[in-house]
Amino acid sequence: MNSYVTGGTIKRLREGRRLTQARLAELLGVTDKAVSRWETGRGLPDLTLLEPLAKALGISVPELLSGEQVVNANRAANLLRAPFYVCPVCGNVIHASGAAVVSCCGVALPPLDAEEPDEAHRLVRESFDGEYVFSIPHEMRKNHYISFLACVTTGRFDLVKLYPEGLSEARFEPRGGGRIYWYCNRHGLFCERV
């Protein structure tokens, strides 16, 4: 069985922060012998120490548990490559501007892959008053509906949340060079260039 945090991770992060075992122990209110036992694999920190240990090592608890420090190397995000996440419990819609570890309602959410629309999920575009009206001729029942429509370009993200028994349409200003995304609560994410 793998432990929830490894001694090698603690040692590597401690040394990276230029902390001695004694100084880390002092920050955590434990003995330096306890830190030594953790690093040599002869013991593990108590669960109540995970948050203070992560803080002392300058990382988040998930980074401590995974042993992988997340470094923000994103210099220029392109929203067209950014993933969507939808919570299957509450319907929360999350659009990250880059790679992310996302959870909602206690569920780890995988990024969604957009599919080509089929006839039941086709996109209809009409021009009206200087805006585009996008709609999907899809039923909008409580158990089967389109959850949102989103217009995404390289630098802008607009989302319209839709609800059961409402209309499956949204208005967006023409921006060119983007994509329209929509999500069916039963069939997933769809995408089309506009």
N, C-alpha and C. Protein backbone atom coordinates (compact mmCIF):
# COMPACT_ATOMS: atom_id res chain seq x y z
N MET A 1 0.84 -1.19 0.00
CA MET A 1 0.00 0.00 0.00
C MET A 1 0.88 1.23 0.00
N ASN A 2 0.58 2.21 -0.83
CA ASN A 2 1.33 3.46 -0.86
C ASN A 2 0.86 4.35 0.27
N SER A 3 1.81 5.04 0.92
CA SER A 3 1.43 5.97 1.97
C SER A 3 0.89 7.24 1.34
N TYR A 4 0.21 8.04 2.14
CA TYR A 4 -0.42 9.25 1.61
C TYR A 4 0.60 10.35 1.34
N VAL A 5 1.77 10.29 1.93
CA VAL A 5 2.85 11.23 1.64
C VAL A 5 4.16 10.48 1.87
N THR A 6 5.16 10.70 1.02
CA THR A 6 6.39 9.93 1.14
C THR A 6 7.48 10.75 1.81
N GLY A 7 8.39 10.02 2.47
CA GLY A 7 9.52 10.67 3.12
C GLY A 7 10.41 11.38 2.14
N GLY A 8 10.58 10.80 0.96
CA GLY A 8 11.40 11.44 -0.07
C GLY A 8 10.83 12.79 -0.49
N THR A 9 9.51 12.87 -0.57
CA THR A 9 8.87 14.14 -0.92
C THR A 9 9.12 15.18 0.15
N ILE A 10 8.93 14.79 1.41
CA ILE A 10 9.15 15.73 2.51
C ILE A 10 10.60 16.22 2.51
N LYS A 11 11.54 15.29 2.36
CA LYS A 11 12.96 15.67 2.38
C LYS A 11 13.30 16.60 1.21
N ARG A 12 12.85 16.25 0.02
CA ARG A 12 13.15 17.07 -1.16
C ARG A 12 12.60 18.48 -1.00
N LEU A 13 11.36 18.59 -0.54
CA LEU A 13 10.74 19.90 -0.38
C LEU A 13 11.39 20.68 0.76
N ARG A 14 11.73 20.00 1.84
CA ARG A 14 12.39 20.66 2.98
C ARG A 14 13.73 21.23 2.55
N GLU A 15 14.52 20.42 1.85
CA GLU A 15 15.82 20.88 1.39
C GLU A 15 15.69 22.00 0.36
N GLY A 16 14.66 21.93 -0.46
CA GLY A 16 14.41 22.99 -1.44
C GLY A 16 14.10 24.33 -0.78
N ARG A 17 13.53 24.28 0.41
CA ARG A 17 13.23 25.51 1.17
C ARG A 17 14.39 25.89 2.08
N ARG A 18 15.46 25.11 2.03
CA ARG A 18 16.65 25.33 2.88
C ARG A 18 16.30 25.32 4.37
N LEU A 19 15.47 24.35 4.73
CA LEU A 19 15.09 24.16 6.12
C LEU A 19 15.84 22.94 6.68
N THR A 20 16.30 23.06 7.91
CA THR A 20 16.87 21.89 8.58
C THR A 20 15.71 21.07 9.14
N GLN A 21 16.00 19.83 9.49
CA GLN A 21 14.96 19.02 10.13
C GLN A 21 14.51 19.68 11.42
N ALA A 22 15.46 20.27 12.15
CA ALA A 22 15.14 20.92 13.42
C ALA A 22 14.21 22.12 13.19
N ARG A 23 14.48 22.92 12.16
CA ARG A 23 13.64 24.10 11.90
C ARG A 23 12.23 23.68 11.45
N LEU A 24 12.13 22.67 10.60
CA LEU A 24 10.82 22.18 10.18
C LEU A 24 10.05 21.65 11.39
N ALA A 25 10.74 20.90 12.24
CA ALA A 25 10.11 20.37 13.46
C ALA A 25 9.60 21.50 14.34
N GLU A 26 10.39 22.56 14.46
CA GLU A 26 9.99 23.72 15.27
C GLU A 26 8.73 24.37 14.70
N LEU A 27 8.67 24.52 13.38
CA LEU A 27 7.50 25.12 12.74
C LEU A 27 6.23 24.29 12.96
N LEU A 28 6.40 22.99 13.07
CA LEU A 28 5.25 22.08 13.20
C LEU A 28 4.92 21.71 14.63
N GLY A 29 5.82 22.04 15.57
CA GLY A 29 5.59 21.67 16.96
C GLY A 29 5.82 20.20 17.22
N VAL A 30 6.77 19.60 16.48
CA VAL A 30 7.15 18.20 16.70
C VAL A 30 8.65 18.15 16.93
N THR A 31 9.18 16.99 17.19
CA THR A 31 10.63 16.86 17.40
C THR A 31 11.34 16.65 16.06
N ASP A 32 12.63 16.98 16.05
CA ASP A 32 13.40 16.75 14.82
C ASP A 32 13.52 15.25 14.55
N LYS A 33 13.43 14.43 15.58
CA LYS A 33 13.46 12.98 15.39
C LYS A 33 12.21 12.51 14.63
N ALA A 34 11.07 13.16 14.88
CA ALA A 34 9.84 12.81 14.14
C ALA A 34 10.03 13.11 12.66
N VAL A 35 10.61 14.27 12.34
CA VAL A 35 10.85 14.63 10.94
C VAL A 35 11.81 13.63 10.31
N SER A 36 12.85 13.23 11.06
CA SER A 36 13.81 12.25 10.56
C SER A 36 13.11 10.92 10.26
N ARG A 37 12.21 10.48 11.14
CA ARG A 37 11.47 9.22 10.91
C ARG A 37 10.61 9.32 9.66
N TRP A 38 9.98 10.46 9.44
CA TRP A 38 9.15 10.64 8.24
C TRP A 38 10.00 10.50 6.99
N GLU A 39 11.16 11.19 7.01
CA GLU A 39 12.00 11.23 5.81
C GLU A 39 12.66 9.89 5.50
N THR A 40 12.86 9.07 6.51
CA THR A 40 13.48 7.76 6.29
C THR A 40 12.44 6.65 6.11
N GLY A 41 11.16 7.02 6.16
CA GLY A 41 10.11 6.04 5.92
C GLY A 41 9.79 5.18 7.11
N ARG A 42 10.26 5.54 8.29
CA ARG A 42 9.97 4.76 9.50
C ARG A 42 8.75 5.28 10.24
N GLY A 43 8.10 6.28 9.68
CA GLY A 43 6.90 6.85 10.28
C GLY A 43 6.25 7.81 9.30
N LEU A 44 5.05 8.22 9.63
CA LEU A 44 4.32 9.16 8.79
C LEU A 44 3.78 10.30 9.65
N PRO A 45 3.69 11.49 9.08
CA PRO A 45 3.09 12.58 9.86
C PRO A 45 1.60 12.31 10.09
N ASP A 46 1.12 12.75 11.22
CA ASP A 46 -0.30 12.63 11.53
C ASP A 46 -1.09 13.44 10.52
N LEU A 47 -2.29 12.98 10.20
CA LEU A 47 -3.14 13.69 9.23
C LEU A 47 -3.37 15.14 9.62
N THR A 48 -3.43 15.42 10.92
CA THR A 48 -3.66 16.80 11.37
C THR A 48 -2.48 17.71 11.05
N LEU A 49 -1.33 17.13 10.72
CA LEU A 49 -0.14 17.92 10.39
C LEU A 49 0.01 18.19 8.89
N LEU A 50 -0.85 17.59 8.07
CA LEU A 50 -0.68 17.77 6.62
C LEU A 50 -0.77 19.23 6.19
N GLU A 51 -1.77 19.95 6.68
CA GLU A 51 -1.92 21.35 6.27
C GLU A 51 -0.76 22.20 6.78
N PRO A 52 -0.39 22.11 8.07
CA PRO A 52 0.77 22.89 8.52
C PRO A 52 2.08 22.47 7.82
N LEU A 53 2.23 21.19 7.53
CA LEU A 53 3.44 20.71 6.84
C LEU A 53 3.49 21.28 5.43
N ALA A 54 2.38 21.25 4.72
CA ALA A 54 2.33 21.81 3.36
C ALA A 54 2.66 23.30 3.41
N LYS A 55 2.09 24.02 4.37
CA LYS A 55 2.35 25.46 4.50
C LYS A 55 3.83 25.72 4.78
N ALA A 56 4.42 24.95 5.68
CA ALA A 56 5.85 25.12 6.01
C ALA A 56 6.73 24.83 4.80
N LEU A 57 6.30 23.92 3.95
CA LEU A 57 7.08 23.56 2.76
C LEU A 57 6.74 24.43 1.55
N GLY A 58 5.77 25.35 1.71
CA GLY A 58 5.44 26.30 0.66
C GLY A 58 4.66 25.71 -0.51
N ILE A 59 3.85 24.69 -0.23
CA ILE A 59 3.04 24.08 -1.29
C ILE A 59 1.63 23.83 -0.76
N SER A 60 0.76 23.37 -1.64
CA SER A 60 -0.60 23.03 -1.24
C SER A 60 -0.64 21.58 -0.75
N VAL A 61 -1.70 21.24 -0.04
CA VAL A 61 -1.86 19.86 0.44
C VAL A 61 -1.93 18.88 -0.73
N PRO A 62 -2.70 19.16 -1.82
CA PRO A 62 -2.69 18.21 -2.94
C PRO A 62 -1.29 18.01 -3.55
N GLU A 63 -0.49 19.09 -3.60
CA GLU A 63 0.87 18.95 -4.12
C GLU A 63 1.70 18.07 -3.19
N LEU A 64 1.53 18.25 -1.88
CA LEU A 64 2.25 17.43 -0.91
C LEU A 64 1.87 15.96 -1.07
N LEU A 65 0.59 15.69 -1.21
CA LEU A 65 0.13 14.31 -1.32
C LEU A 65 0.56 13.65 -2.62
N SER A 66 0.60 14.42 -3.70
CA SER A 66 1.00 13.85 -4.99
C SER A 66 2.51 13.80 -5.14
N GLY A 67 3.21 14.62 -4.38
CA GLY A 67 4.66 14.69 -4.52
C GLY A 67 5.10 15.52 -5.71
N GLU A 68 4.16 16.17 -6.37
CA GLU A 68 4.45 16.98 -7.55
C GLU A 68 4.12 18.43 -7.27
N GLN A 69 5.11 19.29 -7.34
CA GLN A 69 4.88 20.71 -7.14
C GLN A 69 4.39 21.32 -8.45
N VAL A 70 3.33 22.09 -8.37
CA VAL A 70 2.76 22.74 -9.54
C VAL A 70 3.44 24.10 -9.72
N VAL A 71 4.06 24.29 -10.88
CA VAL A 71 4.72 25.54 -11.17
C VAL A 71 3.95 26.22 -12.30
N ASN A 72 3.58 27.46 -12.07
CA ASN A 72 2.81 28.19 -13.08
C ASN A 72 3.75 28.66 -14.17
N ALA A 73 3.74 27.95 -15.29
CA ALA A 73 4.58 28.30 -16.44
C ALA A 73 3.75 28.87 -17.57
N ASN A 74 2.50 29.19 -17.29
CA ASN A 74 1.60 29.69 -18.32
C ASN A 74 1.92 31.15 -18.61
N ARG A 75 2.44 31.40 -19.77
CA ARG A 75 2.80 32.76 -20.15
C ARG A 75 1.75 33.42 -21.03
N ALA A 76 1.04 32.65 -21.81
CA ALA A 76 0.02 33.20 -22.70
C ALA A 76 -1.05 32.13 -22.92
N ALA A 77 -2.13 32.25 -22.19
CA ALA A 77 -3.19 31.26 -22.30
C ALA A 77 -4.01 31.50 -23.56
N ASN A 78 -4.45 30.42 -24.17
CA ASN A 78 -5.34 30.48 -25.31
C ASN A 78 -6.63 29.81 -24.86
N LEU A 79 -7.68 30.60 -24.68
CA LEU A 79 -8.93 30.07 -24.16
C LEU A 79 -9.54 29.00 -25.05
N LEU A 80 -9.18 28.97 -26.33
CA LEU A 80 -9.72 27.94 -27.22
C LEU A 80 -9.21 26.55 -26.84
N ARG A 81 -8.08 26.49 -26.15
CA ARG A 81 -7.54 25.19 -25.73
C ARG A 81 -7.89 24.87 -24.28
N ALA A 82 -8.64 25.76 -23.62
CA ALA A 82 -8.95 25.58 -22.21
C ALA A 82 -10.10 24.60 -22.02
N PRO A 83 -10.01 23.74 -21.01
CA PRO A 83 -11.02 22.69 -20.82
C PRO A 83 -12.27 23.15 -20.07
N PHE A 84 -13.35 22.43 -20.31
CA PHE A 84 -14.61 22.59 -19.57
C PHE A 84 -14.74 21.42 -18.60
N TYR A 85 -15.37 21.69 -17.46
CA TYR A 85 -15.71 20.67 -16.47
C TYR A 85 -17.15 20.92 -16.07
N VAL A 86 -17.93 19.85 -15.91
CA VAL A 86 -19.32 19.97 -15.45
C VAL A 86 -19.53 18.97 -14.33
N CYS A 87 -20.05 19.46 -13.20
CA CYS A 87 -20.31 18.59 -12.05
C CYS A 87 -21.57 17.77 -12.30
N PRO A 88 -21.49 16.45 -12.20
CA PRO A 88 -22.66 15.60 -12.42
C PRO A 88 -23.67 15.67 -11.27
N VAL A 89 -23.25 16.23 -10.13
CA VAL A 89 -24.14 16.31 -8.97
C VAL A 89 -24.97 17.59 -8.99
N CYS A 90 -24.29 18.75 -9.11
CA CYS A 90 -25.01 20.03 -9.01
C CYS A 90 -25.12 20.77 -10.34
N GLY A 91 -24.40 20.32 -11.37
CA GLY A 91 -24.46 20.98 -12.67
C GLY A 91 -23.54 22.18 -12.81
N ASN A 92 -22.71 22.43 -11.82
CA ASN A 92 -21.77 23.55 -11.86
C ASN A 92 -20.90 23.45 -13.12
N VAL A 93 -20.71 24.58 -13.82
CA VAL A 93 -19.90 24.62 -15.04
C VAL A 93 -18.61 25.35 -14.72
N ILE A 94 -17.48 24.73 -15.01
CA ILE A 94 -16.18 25.32 -14.75
C ILE A 94 -15.39 25.34 -16.04
N HIS A 95 -14.83 26.48 -16.36
CA HIS A 95 -13.97 26.63 -17.53
C HIS A 95 -12.64 27.13 -17.02
N ALA A 96 -11.62 26.32 -17.12
CA ALA A 96 -10.29 26.69 -16.63
C ALA A 96 -9.49 27.28 -17.77
N SER A 97 -8.65 28.26 -17.46
CA SER A 97 -7.85 28.87 -18.52
C SER A 97 -6.57 28.09 -18.79
N GLY A 98 -6.46 26.93 -18.20
CA GLY A 98 -5.32 26.05 -18.42
C GLY A 98 -5.55 24.73 -17.70
N ALA A 99 -4.53 23.91 -17.64
CA ALA A 99 -4.65 22.62 -16.96
C ALA A 99 -4.99 22.84 -15.49
N ALA A 100 -5.88 22.02 -14.96
CA ALA A 100 -6.32 22.18 -13.58
C ALA A 100 -6.74 20.84 -13.00
N VAL A 101 -6.71 20.77 -11.68
CA VAL A 101 -7.29 19.65 -10.96
C VAL A 101 -8.57 20.21 -10.36
N VAL A 102 -9.72 19.73 -10.82
CA VAL A 102 -11.00 20.33 -10.46
C VAL A 102 -11.87 19.29 -9.77
N SER A 103 -12.49 19.72 -8.68
CA SER A 103 -13.48 18.85 -8.03
C SER A 103 -14.65 19.72 -7.59
N CYS A 104 -15.81 19.11 -7.51
CA CYS A 104 -17.03 19.79 -7.07
C CYS A 104 -17.91 18.75 -6.41
N CYS A 105 -18.54 19.12 -5.33
CA CYS A 105 -19.44 18.22 -4.59
C CYS A 105 -18.74 16.91 -4.21
N GLY A 106 -17.44 16.99 -3.95
CA GLY A 106 -16.67 15.81 -3.55
C GLY A 106 -16.30 14.89 -4.69
N VAL A 107 -16.52 15.30 -5.93
CA VAL A 107 -16.24 14.47 -7.09
C VAL A 107 -15.11 15.10 -7.91
N ALA A 108 -14.08 14.31 -8.22
CA ALA A 108 -13.02 14.79 -9.11
C ALA A 108 -13.57 14.82 -10.53
N LEU A 109 -13.43 15.98 -11.18
CA LEU A 109 -14.03 16.14 -12.51
C LEU A 109 -12.97 16.01 -13.60
N PRO A 110 -13.21 15.15 -14.57
CA PRO A 110 -12.29 15.08 -15.71
C PRO A 110 -12.63 16.18 -16.71
N PRO A 111 -11.64 16.66 -17.48
CA PRO A 111 -11.97 17.63 -18.52
C PRO A 111 -12.84 16.96 -19.59
N LEU A 112 -13.78 17.71 -20.13
CA LEU A 112 -14.69 17.15 -21.13
C LEU A 112 -14.08 17.25 -22.53
N ASP A 113 -14.31 16.26 -23.34
CA ASP A 113 -13.92 16.28 -24.75
C ASP A 113 -15.14 16.68 -25.56
N ALA A 114 -14.98 17.71 -26.40
CA ALA A 114 -16.09 18.16 -27.24
C ALA A 114 -16.24 17.25 -28.44
N GLU A 115 -17.48 16.95 -28.79
CA GLU A 115 -17.78 16.10 -29.93
C GLU A 115 -18.41 16.91 -31.05
N GLU A 116 -18.40 16.32 -32.24
CA GLU A 116 -19.13 16.91 -33.37
C GLU A 116 -20.62 16.72 -33.09
N PRO A 117 -21.43 17.74 -33.35
CA PRO A 117 -22.86 17.59 -33.06
C PRO A 117 -23.54 16.63 -34.03
N ASP A 118 -24.51 15.88 -33.50
CA ASP A 118 -25.35 15.05 -34.34
C ASP A 118 -26.63 15.83 -34.65
N GLU A 119 -27.57 15.25 -35.35
CA GLU A 119 -28.79 15.96 -35.75
C GLU A 119 -29.59 16.44 -34.54
N ALA A 120 -29.62 15.67 -33.47
CA ALA A 120 -30.39 16.06 -32.28
C ALA A 120 -29.73 17.20 -31.51
N HIS A 121 -28.47 17.47 -31.80
CA HIS A 121 -27.73 18.51 -31.07
C HIS A 121 -27.12 19.55 -32.01
N ARG A 122 -27.73 19.73 -33.18
CA ARG A 122 -27.16 20.66 -34.15
C ARG A 122 -27.34 22.10 -33.72
N LEU A 123 -26.43 22.95 -34.13
CA LEU A 123 -26.42 24.37 -33.80
C LEU A 123 -27.06 25.16 -34.92
N VAL A 124 -27.95 26.08 -34.56
CA VAL A 124 -28.59 26.96 -35.52
C VAL A 124 -28.13 28.38 -35.20
N ARG A 125 -27.63 29.09 -36.23
CA ARG A 125 -27.16 30.47 -36.03
C ARG A 125 -28.01 31.42 -36.86
N GLU A 126 -28.48 32.49 -36.20
CA GLU A 126 -29.24 33.53 -36.88
C GLU A 126 -28.66 34.88 -36.46
N SER A 127 -28.71 35.85 -37.36
CA SER A 127 -28.24 37.20 -37.06
C SER A 127 -29.44 38.07 -36.71
N PHE A 128 -29.33 38.82 -35.60
CA PHE A 128 -30.45 39.64 -35.16
C PHE A 128 -29.92 40.84 -34.38
N ASP A 129 -30.21 42.05 -34.83
CA ASP A 129 -29.83 43.29 -34.16
C ASP A 129 -28.33 43.38 -33.86
N GLY A 130 -27.50 43.00 -34.80
CA GLY A 130 -26.05 43.08 -34.62
C GLY A 130 -25.46 42.01 -33.73
N GLU A 131 -26.27 41.06 -33.35
CA GLU A 131 -25.79 39.94 -32.54
C GLU A 131 -26.14 38.65 -33.25
N TYR A 132 -25.48 37.59 -32.81
CA TYR A 132 -25.84 36.27 -33.30
C TYR A 132 -26.68 35.59 -32.23
N VAL A 133 -27.74 34.94 -32.67
CA VAL A 133 -28.55 34.13 -31.77
C VAL A 133 -28.26 32.68 -32.14
N PHE A 134 -27.72 31.94 -31.18
CA PHE A 134 -27.42 30.53 -31.38
C PHE A 134 -28.45 29.72 -30.61
N SER A 135 -28.97 28.69 -31.26
CA SER A 135 -29.95 27.84 -30.59
C SER A 135 -29.70 26.39 -30.99
N ILE A 136 -30.21 25.52 -30.17
CA ILE A 136 -30.13 24.09 -30.43
C ILE A 136 -31.57 23.57 -30.36
N PRO A 137 -32.10 22.99 -31.44
CA PRO A 137 -33.47 22.46 -31.39
C PRO A 137 -33.49 21.16 -30.58
N HIS A 138 -33.51 21.32 -29.29
CA HIS A 138 -33.37 20.20 -28.36
C HIS A 138 -34.43 20.33 -27.28
N GLU A 139 -34.93 19.21 -26.83
CA GLU A 139 -35.90 19.25 -25.75
C GLU A 139 -35.25 19.84 -24.49
N MET A 140 -36.05 20.51 -23.69
CA MET A 140 -35.55 21.14 -22.47
C MET A 140 -36.41 20.67 -21.29
N ARG A 141 -36.38 19.35 -21.07
CA ARG A 141 -37.12 18.77 -19.95
C ARG A 141 -36.23 18.72 -18.72
N LYS A 142 -36.81 18.45 -17.57
CA LYS A 142 -36.05 18.43 -16.32
C LYS A 142 -34.97 17.36 -16.32
N ASN A 143 -35.18 16.28 -17.03
CA ASN A 143 -34.21 15.19 -17.02
C ASN A 143 -33.35 15.12 -18.29
N HIS A 144 -33.58 16.05 -19.25
CA HIS A 144 -32.81 16.03 -20.49
C HIS A 144 -32.86 17.44 -21.09
N TYR A 145 -31.71 18.13 -21.04
CA TYR A 145 -31.71 19.53 -21.46
C TYR A 145 -30.29 19.98 -21.84
N ILE A 146 -30.23 21.14 -22.47
CA ILE A 146 -28.95 21.80 -22.75
C ILE A 146 -28.64 22.67 -21.55
N SER A 147 -27.48 22.47 -20.94
CA SER A 147 -27.12 23.15 -19.71
C SER A 147 -26.54 24.55 -19.93
N PHE A 148 -25.76 24.73 -21.00
CA PHE A 148 -25.19 26.05 -21.27
C PHE A 148 -24.80 26.17 -22.73
N LEU A 149 -24.64 27.40 -23.16
CA LEU A 149 -24.04 27.76 -24.44
C LEU A 149 -22.89 28.70 -24.10
N ALA A 150 -21.75 28.53 -24.73
CA ALA A 150 -20.60 29.40 -24.47
C ALA A 150 -19.94 29.79 -25.79
N CYS A 151 -19.54 31.04 -25.87
CA CYS A 151 -18.80 31.55 -27.02
C CYS A 151 -17.37 31.80 -26.55
N VAL A 152 -16.41 31.12 -27.19
CA VAL A 152 -15.01 31.21 -26.76
C VAL A 152 -14.14 31.64 -27.93
N THR A 153 -13.32 32.66 -27.69
CA THR A 153 -12.30 33.08 -28.66
C THR A 153 -10.96 32.94 -27.96
N THR A 154 -9.87 33.32 -28.63
CA THR A 154 -8.55 33.16 -28.01
C THR A 154 -8.41 33.97 -26.73
N GLY A 155 -9.16 35.06 -26.60
CA GLY A 155 -9.00 35.90 -25.42
C GLY A 155 -10.27 36.23 -24.67
N ARG A 156 -11.38 35.62 -25.04
CA ARG A 156 -12.65 35.97 -24.37
C ARG A 156 -13.52 34.74 -24.21
N PHE A 157 -14.26 34.73 -23.10
CA PHE A 157 -15.13 33.62 -22.77
C PHE A 157 -16.47 34.17 -22.29
N ASP A 158 -17.55 33.84 -23.00
CA ASP A 158 -18.90 34.25 -22.60
C ASP A 158 -19.75 33.00 -22.45
N LEU A 159 -20.44 32.87 -21.33
CA LEU A 159 -21.25 31.69 -21.06
C LEU A 159 -22.65 32.12 -20.68
N VAL A 160 -23.64 31.44 -21.23
CA VAL A 160 -25.03 31.65 -20.86
C VAL A 160 -25.54 30.33 -20.28
N LYS A 161 -25.92 30.36 -19.02
CA LYS A 161 -26.45 29.17 -18.35
C LYS A 161 -27.91 29.00 -18.77
N LEU A 162 -28.28 27.78 -19.12
CA LEU A 162 -29.64 27.46 -19.54
C LEU A 162 -30.28 26.54 -18.50
N TYR A 163 -31.59 26.51 -18.49
CA TYR A 163 -32.30 25.74 -17.47
C TYR A 163 -33.40 24.89 -18.10
N PRO A 164 -33.74 23.75 -17.47
CA PRO A 164 -34.83 22.92 -17.98
C PRO A 164 -36.11 23.75 -18.10
N GLU A 165 -36.89 23.41 -19.11
CA GLU A 165 -38.16 24.05 -19.41
C GLU A 165 -38.00 25.49 -19.88
N GLY A 166 -36.76 25.91 -20.18
CA GLY A 166 -36.51 27.23 -20.76
C GLY A 166 -36.14 27.08 -22.22
N LEU A 167 -35.63 28.15 -22.81
CA LEU A 167 -35.20 28.11 -24.20
C LEU A 167 -33.75 27.64 -24.29
N SER A 168 -33.44 26.95 -25.36
CA SER A 168 -32.06 26.50 -25.57
C SER A 168 -31.40 27.43 -26.59
N GLU A 169 -31.26 28.72 -26.21
CA GLU A 169 -30.65 29.69 -27.09
C GLU A 169 -29.91 30.75 -26.30
N ALA A 170 -28.99 31.43 -26.99
CA ALA A 170 -28.22 32.51 -26.37
C ALA A 170 -27.78 33.48 -27.44
N ARG A 171 -27.59 34.74 -27.04
CA ARG A 171 -27.11 35.79 -27.95
C ARG A 171 -25.66 36.11 -27.62
N PHE A 172 -24.86 36.24 -28.67
CA PHE A 172 -23.46 36.64 -28.50
C PHE A 172 -23.12 37.69 -29.55
N GLU A 173 -22.27 38.64 -29.19
CA GLU A 173 -21.78 39.61 -30.17
C GLU A 173 -20.84 38.89 -31.12
N PRO A 174 -20.88 39.25 -32.41
CA PRO A 174 -19.96 38.59 -33.35
C PRO A 174 -18.52 39.00 -33.05
N ARG A 175 -17.66 38.03 -32.87
CA ARG A 175 -16.26 38.30 -32.59
C ARG A 175 -15.35 37.65 -33.64
N GLY A 176 -15.83 36.64 -34.30
CA GLY A 176 -15.05 35.96 -35.32
C GLY A 176 -13.95 35.09 -34.75
N GLY A 177 -13.66 34.04 -35.47
CA GLY A 177 -12.54 33.16 -35.11
C GLY A 177 -12.71 32.39 -33.83
N GLY A 178 -13.92 32.17 -33.39
CA GLY A 178 -14.11 31.46 -32.14
C GLY A 178 -14.85 30.16 -32.32
N ARG A 179 -15.34 29.66 -31.20
CA ARG A 179 -16.12 28.42 -31.18
C ARG A 179 -17.31 28.60 -30.26
N ILE A 180 -18.35 27.90 -30.58
CA ILE A 180 -19.52 27.82 -29.70
C ILE A 180 -19.51 26.42 -29.09
N TYR A 181 -19.66 26.37 -27.77
CA TYR A 181 -19.75 25.11 -27.04
C TYR A 181 -21.14 25.02 -26.43
N TRP A 182 -21.69 23.82 -26.36
CA TRP A 182 -22.92 23.60 -25.65
C TRP A 182 -22.88 22.23 -25.02
N TYR A 183 -23.63 22.07 -23.93
CA TYR A 183 -23.55 20.85 -23.14
C TYR A 183 -24.94 20.27 -22.90
N CYS A 184 -25.11 19.02 -23.31
CA CYS A 184 -26.33 18.27 -23.05
C CYS A 184 -26.08 17.42 -21.80
N ASN A 185 -27.00 17.50 -20.84
CA ASN A 185 -26.76 16.78 -19.58
C ASN A 185 -26.73 15.26 -19.76
N ARG A 186 -27.18 14.74 -20.87
CA ARG A 186 -27.12 13.29 -21.12
C ARG A 186 -26.05 12.89 -22.12
N HIS A 187 -25.74 13.76 -23.08
CA HIS A 187 -24.88 13.36 -24.19
C HIS A 187 -23.54 14.07 -24.21
N GLY A 188 -23.31 15.03 -23.34
CA GLY A 188 -21.99 15.63 -23.23
C GLY A 188 -21.82 16.96 -23.94
N LEU A 189 -20.54 17.29 -24.17
CA LEU A 189 -20.14 18.58 -24.71
C LEU A 189 -20.02 18.52 -26.23
N PHE A 190 -20.53 19.57 -26.88
CA PHE A 190 -20.45 19.69 -28.33
C PHE A 190 -19.78 21.02 -28.68
N CYS A 191 -19.20 21.08 -29.87
CA CYS A 191 -18.48 22.27 -30.26
C CYS A 191 -18.58 22.48 -31.77
N GLU A 192 -18.62 23.76 -32.16
CA GLU A 192 -18.62 24.08 -33.58
C GLU A 192 -17.90 25.43 -33.77
N ARG A 193 -17.07 25.49 -34.80
CA ARG A 193 -16.41 26.77 -35.14
C ARG A 193 -17.42 27.74 -35.72
N VAL A 194 -17.23 29.01 -35.39
CA VAL A 194 -18.12 30.04 -35.95
C VAL A 194 -17.29 31.16 -36.58
